[in-house]
Amino acid sequence: LRQAEACGQAVDLSDDIVRFIRQCRGALATVGGAPAE
């Protein structure tokens, strides 16, 4: 994403990548890495 920004490009993320990002965030929250609410 940083490389795309440096080139001035927009990015289309596939549904698989979006699901992967959500999975990572969920896993991080499970082990206590998410900010407190």
PDB file of all heavy atoms in Angstrom:
ATOM      1  N   LEU A   1       0.825  -1.205   0.000  1.00  0.00           N
ATOM      2  CA  LEU A   1       0.000   0.000   0.000  1.00  0.00           C
ATOM      3  C   LEU A   1       0.861   1.259   0.000  1.00  0.00           C
ATOM      4  O   LEU A   1       0.548   2.237  -0.686  1.00  0.00           O
ATOM      5  CB  LEU A   1      -0.941  -0.012   1.207  1.00  0.00           C
ATOM      6  CG  LEU A   1      -2.052  -1.059   1.168  1.00  0.00           C
ATOM      7  CD1 LEU A   1      -2.723  -1.172   2.533  1.00  0.00           C
ATOM      8  CD2 LEU A   1      -3.068  -0.750   0.082  1.00  0.00           C
ATOM      9  N   ARG A   2       1.939   1.243   0.756  1.00  0.00           N
ATOM     10  CA  ARG A   2       2.865   2.397   0.772  1.00  0.00           C
ATOM     11  C   ARG A   2       3.497   2.604  -0.605  1.00  0.00           C
ATOM     12  O   ARG A   2       3.669   3.732  -1.065  1.00  0.00           O
ATOM     13  CB  ARG A   2       3.962   2.197   1.816  1.00  0.00           C
ATOM     14  CG  ARG A   2       3.500   2.336   3.226  1.00  0.00           C
ATOM     15  CD  ARG A   2       3.312   3.768   3.587  1.00  0.00           C
ATOM     16  NE  ARG A   2       2.896   3.863   5.001  1.00  0.00           N
ATOM     17  CZ  ARG A   2       2.300   4.898   5.488  1.00  0.00           C
ATOM     18  NH1 ARG A   2       2.038   5.934   4.730  1.00  0.00           N
ATOM     19  NH2 ARG A   2       1.945   4.931   6.746  1.00  0.00           N
ATOM     20  N   GLN A   3       3.839   1.507  -1.257  1.00  0.00           N
ATOM     21  CA  GLN A   3       4.431   1.596  -2.593  1.00  0.00           C
ATOM     22  C   GLN A   3       3.427   2.182  -3.586  1.00  0.00           C
ATOM     23  O   GLN A   3       3.787   3.026  -4.410  1.00  0.00           O
ATOM     24  CB  GLN A   3       4.895   0.225  -3.059  1.00  0.00           C
ATOM     25  CG  GLN A   3       5.605   0.244  -4.394  1.00  0.00           C
ATOM     26  CD  GLN A   3       6.101  -1.142  -4.792  1.00  0.00           C
ATOM     27  OE1 GLN A   3       5.713  -2.147  -4.218  1.00  0.00           O
ATOM     28  NE2 GLN A   3       6.953  -1.178  -5.786  1.00  0.00           N
ATOM     29  N   ALA A   4       2.173   1.764  -3.499  1.00  0.00           N
ATOM     30  CA  ALA A   4       1.139   2.308  -4.380  1.00  0.00           C
ATOM     31  C   ALA A   4       0.961   3.804  -4.136  1.00  0.00           C
ATOM     32  O   ALA A   4       0.811   4.584  -5.079  1.00  0.00           O
ATOM     33  CB  ALA A   4      -0.178   1.570  -4.165  1.00  0.00           C
ATOM     34  N   GLU A   5       0.985   4.191  -2.868  1.00  0.00           N
ATOM     35  CA  GLU A   5       0.850   5.608  -2.537  1.00  0.00           C
ATOM     36  C   GLU A   5       2.016   6.410  -3.112  1.00  0.00           C
ATOM     37  O   GLU A   5       1.818   7.501  -3.641  1.00  0.00           O
ATOM     38  CB  GLU A   5       0.781   5.795  -1.020  1.00  0.00           C
ATOM     39  CG  GLU A   5       0.698   7.233  -0.578  1.00  0.00           C
ATOM     40  CD  GLU A   5      -0.570   7.939  -1.022  1.00  0.00           C
ATOM     41  OE1 GLU A   5      -1.596   7.280  -1.256  1.00  0.00           O
ATOM     42  OE2 GLU A   5      -0.542   9.181  -1.137  1.00  0.00           O
ATOM     43  N   ALA A   6       3.220   5.866  -3.034  1.00  0.00           N
ATOM     44  CA  ALA A   6       4.397   6.559  -3.571  1.00  0.00           C
ATOM     45  C   ALA A   6       4.286   6.760  -5.075  1.00  0.00           C
ATOM     46  O   ALA A   6       4.796   7.745  -5.614  1.00  0.00           O
ATOM     47  CB  ALA A   6       5.656   5.771  -3.227  1.00  0.00           C
ATOM     48  N   CYS A   7       3.586   5.847  -5.740  1.00  0.00           N
ATOM     49  CA  CYS A   7       3.386   5.950  -7.192  1.00  0.00           C
ATOM     50  C   CYS A   7       2.137   6.745  -7.545  1.00  0.00           C
ATOM     51  O   CYS A   7       1.816   6.913  -8.724  1.00  0.00           O
ATOM     52  CB  CYS A   7       3.292   4.554  -7.808  1.00  0.00           C
ATOM     53  SG  CYS A   7       4.797   3.596  -7.676  1.00  0.00           S
ATOM     54  N   GLY A   8       1.395   7.186  -6.533  1.00  0.00           N
ATOM     55  CA  GLY A   8       0.177   7.950  -6.764  1.00  0.00           C
ATOM     56  C   GLY A   8      -0.971   7.111  -7.296  1.00  0.00           C
ATOM     57  O   GLY A   8      -1.827   7.612  -8.014  1.00  0.00           O
ATOM     58  N   GLN A   9      -0.993   5.841  -6.946  1.00  0.00           N
ATOM     59  CA  GLN A   9      -2.017   4.930  -7.444  1.00  0.00           C
ATOM     60  C   GLN A   9      -3.059   4.624  -6.381  1.00  0.00           C
ATOM     61  O   GLN A   9      -2.737   4.529  -5.200  1.00  0.00           O
ATOM     62  CB  GLN A   9      -1.384   3.607  -7.879  1.00  0.00           C
ATOM     63  CG  GLN A   9      -0.386   3.732  -8.990  1.00  0.00           C
ATOM     64  CD  GLN A   9       0.298   2.402  -9.269  1.00  0.00           C
ATOM     65  OE1 GLN A   9       0.393   1.545  -8.411  1.00  0.00           O
ATOM     66  NE2 GLN A   9       0.781   2.250 -10.496  1.00  0.00           N
ATOM     67  N   ALA A  10      -4.283   4.437  -6.838  1.00  0.00           N
ATOM     68  CA  ALA A  10      -5.326   3.890  -5.976  1.00  0.00           C
ATOM     69  C   ALA A  10      -5.172   2.372  -6.010  1.00  0.00           C
ATOM     70  O   ALA A  10      -4.494   1.826  -6.885  1.00  0.00           O
ATOM     71  CB  ALA A  10      -6.704   4.292  -6.474  1.00  0.00           C
ATOM     72  N   VAL A  11      -5.784   1.696  -5.064  1.00  0.00           N
ATOM     73  CA  VAL A  11      -5.634   0.243  -4.966  1.00  0.00           C
ATOM     74  C   VAL A  11      -7.012  -0.394  -4.853  1.00  0.00           C
ATOM     75  O   VAL A  11      -7.887   0.134  -4.182  1.00  0.00           O
ATOM     76  CB  VAL A  11      -4.789  -0.131  -3.719  1.00  0.00           C
ATOM     77  CG1 VAL A  11      -4.744  -1.626  -3.509  1.00  0.00           C
ATOM     78  CG2 VAL A  11      -3.391   0.436  -3.835  1.00  0.00           C
ATOM     79  N   ASP A  12      -7.191  -1.508  -5.537  1.00  0.00           N
ATOM     80  CA  ASP A  12      -8.372  -2.348  -5.364  1.00  0.00           C
ATOM     81  C   ASP A  12      -7.934  -3.602  -4.630  1.00  0.00           C
ATOM     82  O   ASP A  12      -7.122  -4.374  -5.147  1.00  0.00           O
ATOM     83  CB  ASP A  12      -8.979  -2.754  -6.718  1.00  0.00           C
ATOM     84  CG  ASP A  12      -9.683  -1.610  -7.412  1.00  0.00           C
ATOM     85  OD1 ASP A  12     -10.193  -0.723  -6.703  1.00  0.00           O
ATOM     86  OD2 ASP A  12      -9.732  -1.602  -8.648  1.00  0.00           O
ATOM     87  N   LEU A  13      -8.460  -3.798  -3.424  1.00  0.00           N
ATOM     88  CA  LEU A  13      -8.126  -4.989  -2.650  1.00  0.00           C
ATOM     89  C   LEU A  13      -9.191  -6.051  -2.906  1.00  0.00           C
ATOM     90  O   LEU A  13     -10.385  -5.759  -2.866  1.00  0.00           O
ATOM     91  CB  LEU A  13      -8.077  -4.673  -1.156  1.00  0.00           C
ATOM     92  CG  LEU A  13      -6.984  -3.721  -0.690  1.00  0.00           C
ATOM     93  CD1 LEU A  13      -7.092  -3.501   0.810  1.00  0.00           C
ATOM     94  CD2 LEU A  13      -5.617  -4.258  -1.042  1.00  0.00           C
ATOM     95  N   SER A  14      -8.744  -7.261  -3.134  1.00  0.00           N
ATOM     96  CA  SER A  14      -9.688  -8.355  -3.349  1.00  0.00           C
ATOM     97  C   SER A  14     -10.418  -8.667  -2.049  1.00  0.00           C
ATOM     98  O   SER A  14      -9.968  -8.323  -0.956  1.00  0.00           O
ATOM     99  CB  SER A  14      -8.963  -9.601  -3.860  1.00  0.00           C
ATOM    100  OG  SER A  14      -8.208 -10.175  -2.814  1.00  0.00           O
ATOM    101  N   ASP A  15     -11.544  -9.346  -2.180  1.00  0.00           N
ATOM    102  CA  ASP A  15     -12.305  -9.749  -1.000  1.00  0.00           C
ATOM    103  C   ASP A  15     -11.471 -10.647  -0.096  1.00  0.00           C
ATOM    104  O   ASP A  15     -11.600 -10.592   1.127  1.00  0.00           O
ATOM    105  CB  ASP A  15     -13.587 -10.475  -1.416  1.00  0.00           C
ATOM    106  CG  ASP A  15     -14.573  -9.545  -2.112  1.00  0.00           C
ATOM    107  OD1 ASP A  15     -14.484  -8.313  -1.899  1.00  0.00           O
ATOM    108  OD2 ASP A  15     -15.419 -10.041  -2.870  1.00  0.00           O
ATOM    109  N   ASP A  16     -10.603 -11.465  -0.693  1.00  0.00           N
ATOM    110  CA  ASP A  16      -9.742 -12.347   0.106  1.00  0.00           C
ATOM    111  C   ASP A  16      -8.784 -11.540   0.982  1.00  0.00           C
ATOM    112  O   ASP A  16      -8.559 -11.885   2.145  1.00  0.00           O
ATOM    113  CB  ASP A  16      -8.944 -13.290  -0.787  1.00  0.00           C
ATOM    114  CG  ASP A  16      -9.807 -14.333  -1.461  1.00  0.00           C
ATOM    115  OD1 ASP A  16     -10.901 -14.648  -0.918  1.00  0.00           O
ATOM    116  OD2 ASP A  16      -9.398 -14.850  -2.522  1.00  0.00           O
ATOM    117  N   ILE A  17      -8.224 -10.476   0.437  1.00  0.00           N
ATOM    118  CA  ILE A  17      -7.296  -9.646   1.209  1.00  0.00           C
ATOM    119  C   ILE A  17      -8.047  -8.920   2.326  1.00  0.00           C
ATOM    120  O   ILE A  17      -7.562  -8.829   3.459  1.00  0.00           O
ATOM    121  CB  ILE A  17      -6.560  -8.633   0.308  1.00  0.00           C
ATOM    122  CG1 ILE A  17      -5.683  -9.357  -0.707  1.00  0.00           C
ATOM    123  CG2 ILE A  17      -5.743  -7.649   1.131  1.00  0.00           C
ATOM    124  CD1 ILE A  17      -4.548 -10.145  -0.111  1.00  0.00           C
ATOM    125  N   VAL A  18      -9.241  -8.425   2.023  1.00  0.00           N
ATOM    126  CA  VAL A  18     -10.048  -7.747   3.042  1.00  0.00           C
ATOM    127  C   VAL A  18     -10.383  -8.722   4.174  1.00  0.00           C
ATOM    128  O   VAL A  18     -10.262  -8.385   5.353  1.00  0.00           O
ATOM    129  CB  VAL A  18     -11.325  -7.144   2.423  1.00  0.00           C
ATOM    130  CG1 VAL A  18     -12.243  -6.593   3.499  1.00  0.00           C
ATOM    131  CG2 VAL A  18     -10.960  -6.057   1.416  1.00  0.00           C
ATOM    132  N   ARG A  19     -10.772  -9.952   3.822  1.00  0.00           N
ATOM    133  CA  ARG A  19     -11.062 -10.969   4.850  1.00  0.00           C
ATOM    134  C   ARG A  19      -9.813 -11.282   5.669  1.00  0.00           C
ATOM    135  O   ARG A  19      -9.875 -11.465   6.882  1.00  0.00           O
ATOM    136  CB  ARG A  19     -11.597 -12.249   4.199  1.00  0.00           C
ATOM    137  CG  ARG A  19     -13.082 -12.231   3.963  1.00  0.00           C
ATOM    138  CD  ARG A  19     -13.609 -13.607   3.598  1.00  0.00           C
ATOM    139  NE  ARG A  19     -13.068 -14.119   2.352  1.00  0.00           N
ATOM    140  CZ  ARG A  19     -13.582 -13.864   1.145  1.00  0.00           C
ATOM    141  NH1 ARG A  19     -14.654 -13.117   1.029  1.00  0.00           N
ATOM    142  NH2 ARG A  19     -13.027 -14.362   0.061  1.00  0.00           N
ATOM    143  N   PHE A  20      -8.657 -11.346   4.996  1.00  0.00           N
ATOM    144  CA  PHE A  20      -7.412 -11.631   5.684  1.00  0.00           C
ATOM    145  C   PHE A  20      -7.084 -10.529   6.700  1.00  0.00           C
ATOM    146  O   PHE A  20      -6.685 -10.816   7.833  1.00  0.00           O
ATOM    147  CB  PHE A  20      -6.269 -11.777   4.674  1.00  0.00           C
ATOM    148  CG  PHE A  20      -4.944 -11.998   5.327  1.00  0.00           C
ATOM    149  CD1 PHE A  20      -4.607 -13.241   5.835  1.00  0.00           C
ATOM    150  CD2 PHE A  20      -4.038 -10.962   5.462  1.00  0.00           C
ATOM    151  CE1 PHE A  20      -3.391 -13.450   6.463  1.00  0.00           C
ATOM    152  CE2 PHE A  20      -2.822 -11.157   6.084  1.00  0.00           C
ATOM    153  CZ  PHE A  20      -2.505 -12.402   6.582  1.00  0.00           C
ATOM    154  N   ILE A  21      -7.269  -9.270   6.306  1.00  0.00           N
ATOM    155  CA  ILE A  21      -7.005  -8.156   7.219  1.00  0.00           C
ATOM    156  C   ILE A  21      -7.923  -8.255   8.432  1.00  0.00           C
ATOM    157  O   ILE A  21      -7.485  -8.091   9.572  1.00  0.00           O
ATOM    158  CB  ILE A  21      -7.167  -6.809   6.487  1.00  0.00           C
ATOM    159  CG1 ILE A  21      -6.035  -6.631   5.456  1.00  0.00           C
ATOM    160  CG2 ILE A  21      -7.180  -5.643   7.479  1.00  0.00           C
ATOM    161  CD1 ILE A  21      -6.222  -5.455   4.527  1.00  0.00           C
ATOM    162  N   ARG A  22      -9.200  -8.568   8.197  1.00  0.00           N
ATOM    163  CA  ARG A  22     -10.140  -8.728   9.313  1.00  0.00           C
ATOM    164  C   ARG A  22      -9.732  -9.889  10.208  1.00  0.00           C
ATOM    165  O   ARG A  22      -9.838  -9.808  11.434  1.00  0.00           O
ATOM    166  CB  ARG A  22     -11.551  -8.931   8.777  1.00  0.00           C
ATOM    167  CG  ARG A  22     -12.143  -7.673   8.210  1.00  0.00           C
ATOM    168  CD  ARG A  22     -13.567  -7.886   7.762  1.00  0.00           C
ATOM    169  NE  ARG A  22     -14.090  -6.648   7.193  1.00  0.00           N
ATOM    170  CZ  ARG A  22     -14.934  -6.602   6.191  1.00  0.00           C
ATOM    171  NH1 ARG A  22     -15.396  -7.716   5.656  1.00  0.00           N
ATOM    172  NH2 ARG A  22     -15.360  -5.440   5.737  1.00  0.00           N
ATOM    173  N   GLN A  23      -9.266 -10.979   9.598  1.00  0.00           N
ATOM    174  CA  GLN A  23      -8.819 -12.142  10.369  1.00  0.00           C
ATOM    175  C   GLN A  23      -7.639 -11.751  11.258  1.00  0.00           C
ATOM    176  O   GLN A  23      -7.587 -12.124  12.433  1.00  0.00           O
ATOM    177  CB  GLN A  23      -8.425 -13.281   9.435  1.00  0.00           C
ATOM    178  CG  GLN A  23      -7.850 -14.474  10.160  1.00  0.00           C
ATOM    179  CD  GLN A  23      -7.239 -15.499   9.211  1.00  0.00           C
ATOM    180  OE1 GLN A  23      -7.186 -15.302   7.996  1.00  0.00           O
ATOM    181  NE2 GLN A  23      -6.773 -16.595   9.753  1.00  0.00           N
ATOM    182  N   CYS A  24      -6.699 -11.025  10.709  1.00  0.00           N
ATOM    183  CA  CYS A  24      -5.531 -10.603  11.483  1.00  0.00           C
ATOM    184  C   CYS A  24      -5.944  -9.729  12.656  1.00  0.00           C
ATOM    185  O   CYS A  24      -5.477  -9.913  13.780  1.00  0.00           O
ATOM    186  CB  CYS A  24      -4.550  -9.840  10.602  1.00  0.00           C
ATOM    187  SG  CYS A  24      -3.683 -10.854   9.417  1.00  0.00           S
ATOM    188  N   ARG A  25      -6.825  -8.786  12.395  1.00  0.00           N
ATOM    189  CA  ARG A  25      -7.278  -7.895  13.462  1.00  0.00           C
ATOM    190  C   ARG A  25      -8.040  -8.675  14.534  1.00  0.00           C
ATOM    191  O   ARG A  25      -7.894  -8.399  15.725  1.00  0.00           O
ATOM    192  CB  ARG A  25      -8.136  -6.785  12.884  1.00  0.00           C
ATOM    193  CG  ARG A  25      -7.316  -5.772  12.120  1.00  0.00           C
ATOM    194  CD  ARG A  25      -8.152  -4.689  11.530  1.00  0.00           C
ATOM    195  NE  ARG A  25      -7.306  -3.617  11.014  1.00  0.00           N
ATOM    196  CZ  ARG A  25      -7.757  -2.627  10.271  1.00  0.00           C
ATOM    197  NH1 ARG A  25      -9.035  -2.561   9.965  1.00  0.00           N
ATOM    198  NH2 ARG A  25      -6.932  -1.701   9.851  1.00  0.00           N
ATOM    199  N   GLY A  26      -8.846  -9.640  14.118  1.00  0.00           N
ATOM    200  CA  GLY A  26      -9.572 -10.464  15.075  1.00  0.00           C
ATOM    201  C   GLY A  26      -8.640 -11.297  15.930  1.00  0.00           C
ATOM    202  O   GLY A  26      -8.811 -11.407  17.149  1.00  0.00           O
ATOM    203  N   ALA A  27      -7.632 -11.885  15.286  1.00  0.00           N
ATOM    204  CA  ALA A  27      -6.660 -12.696  16.022  1.00  0.00           C
ATOM    205  C   ALA A  27      -5.877 -11.828  17.002  1.00  0.00           C
ATOM    206  O   ALA A  27      -5.610 -12.229  18.132  1.00  0.00           O
ATOM    207  CB  ALA A  27      -5.713 -13.393  15.051  1.00  0.00           C
ATOM    208  N   LEU A  28      -5.530 -10.635  16.585  1.00  0.00           N
ATOM    209  CA  LEU A  28      -4.796  -9.725  17.460  1.00  0.00           C
ATOM    210  C   LEU A  28      -5.647  -9.331  18.658  1.00  0.00           C
ATOM    211  O   LEU A  28      -5.158  -9.297  19.795  1.00  0.00           O
ATOM    212  CB  LEU A  28      -4.365  -8.480  16.686  1.00  0.00           C
ATOM    213  CG  LEU A  28      -3.504  -7.484  17.421  1.00  0.00           C
ATOM    214  CD1 LEU A  28      -2.224  -8.139  17.905  1.00  0.00           C
ATOM    215  CD2 LEU A  28      -3.180  -6.302  16.538  1.00  0.00           C
ATOM    216  N   ALA A  29      -6.916  -9.065  18.435  1.00  0.00           N
ATOM    217  CA  ALA A  29      -7.815  -8.720  19.538  1.00  0.00           C
ATOM    218  C   ALA A  29      -7.951  -9.898  20.518  1.00  0.00           C
ATOM    219  O   ALA A  29      -8.034  -9.703  21.727  1.00  0.00           O
ATOM    220  CB  ALA A  29      -9.173  -8.313  18.999  1.00  0.00           C
ATOM    221  N   THR A  30      -7.934 -11.110  19.987  1.00  0.00           N
ATOM    222  CA  THR A  30      -8.073 -12.304  20.821  1.00  0.00           C
ATOM    223  C   THR A  30      -6.904 -12.445  21.785  1.00  0.00           C
ATOM    224  O   THR A  30      -7.089 -12.840  22.942  1.00  0.00           O
ATOM    225  CB  THR A  30      -8.181 -13.565  19.941  1.00  0.00           C
ATOM    226  OG1 THR A  30      -9.322 -13.433  19.107  1.00  0.00           O
ATOM    227  CG2 THR A  30      -8.300 -14.804  20.764  1.00  0.00           C
ATOM    228  N   VAL A  31      -5.698 -12.115  21.335  1.00  0.00           N
ATOM    229  CA  VAL A  31      -4.526 -12.279  22.198  1.00  0.00           C
ATOM    230  C   VAL A  31      -4.245 -11.028  23.022  1.00  0.00           C
ATOM    231  O   VAL A  31      -3.254 -10.953  23.729  1.00  0.00           O
ATOM    232  CB  VAL A  31      -3.265 -12.686  21.400  1.00  0.00           C
ATOM    233  CG1 VAL A  31      -3.455 -14.027  20.782  1.00  0.00           C
ATOM    234  CG2 VAL A  31      -2.888 -11.630  20.378  1.00  0.00           C
ATOM    235  N   GLY A  32      -5.098 -10.029  22.909  1.00  0.00           N
ATOM    236  CA  GLY A  32      -4.965  -8.855  23.754  1.00  0.00           C
ATOM    237  C   GLY A  32      -4.223  -7.695  23.149  1.00  0.00           C
ATOM    238  O   GLY A  32      -3.805  -6.792  23.851  1.00  0.00           O
ATOM    239  N   GLY A  33      -4.064  -7.685  21.851  1.00  0.00           N
ATOM    240  CA  GLY A  33      -3.336  -6.590  21.222  1.00  0.00           C
ATOM    241  C   GLY A  33      -4.211  -5.433  20.762  1.00  0.00           C
ATOM    242  O   GLY A  33      -3.719  -4.472  20.211  1.00  0.00           O
ATOM    243  N   ALA A  34      -5.514  -5.523  20.977  1.00  0.00           N
ATOM    244  CA  ALA A  34      -6.404  -4.453  20.574  1.00  0.00           C
ATOM    245  C   ALA A  34      -6.518  -3.428  21.682  1.00  0.00           C
ATOM    246  O   ALA A  34      -6.374  -3.755  22.854  1.00  0.00           O
ATOM    247  CB  ALA A  34      -7.780  -5.015  20.226  1.00  0.00           C
ATOM    248  N   PRO A  35      -6.787  -2.176  21.325  1.00  0.00           N
ATOM    249  CA  PRO A  35      -6.943  -1.165  22.367  1.00  0.00           C
ATOM    250  C   PRO A  35      -8.190  -1.435  23.207  1.00  0.00           C
ATOM    251  O   PRO A  35      -9.160  -2.011  22.722  1.00  0.00           O
ATOM    252  CB  PRO A  35      -7.089   0.124  21.574  1.00  0.00           C
ATOM    253  CG  PRO A  35      -7.517  -0.273  20.213  1.00  0.00           C
ATOM    254  CD  PRO A  35      -6.961  -1.651  19.993  1.00  0.00           C
ATOM    255  N   ALA A  36      -8.138  -1.025  24.446  1.00  0.00           N
ATOM    256  CA  ALA A  36      -9.288  -1.222  25.340  1.00  0.00           C
ATOM    257  C   ALA A  36     -10.442  -0.345  24.903  1.00  0.00           C
ATOM    258  O   ALA A  36     -10.241   0.754  24.383  1.00  0.00           O
ATOM    259  CB  ALA A  36      -8.887  -0.890  26.770  1.00  0.00           C
ATOM    260  N   GLU A  37     -11.639  -0.862  25.097  1.00  0.00           N
ATOM    261  CA  GLU A  37     -12.834  -0.083  24.775  1.00  0.00           C
ATOM    262  C   GLU A  37     -13.494   0.350  26.058  1.00  0.00           C
ATOM    263  O   GLU A  37     -13.559  -0.394  27.023  1.00  0.00           O
ATOM    264  CB  GLU A  37     -13.804  -0.930  23.953  1.00  0.00           C
ATOM    265  CG  GLU A  37     -13.268  -1.278  22.577  1.00  0.00           C
ATOM    266  CD  GLU A  37     -14.261  -2.046  21.753  1.00  0.00           C
ATOM    267  OE1 GLU A  37     -15.463  -2.024  22.081  1.00  0.00           O
ATOM    268  OE2 GLU A  37     -13.846  -2.667  20.779  1.00  0.00           O
TER     269      GLU A  37
END
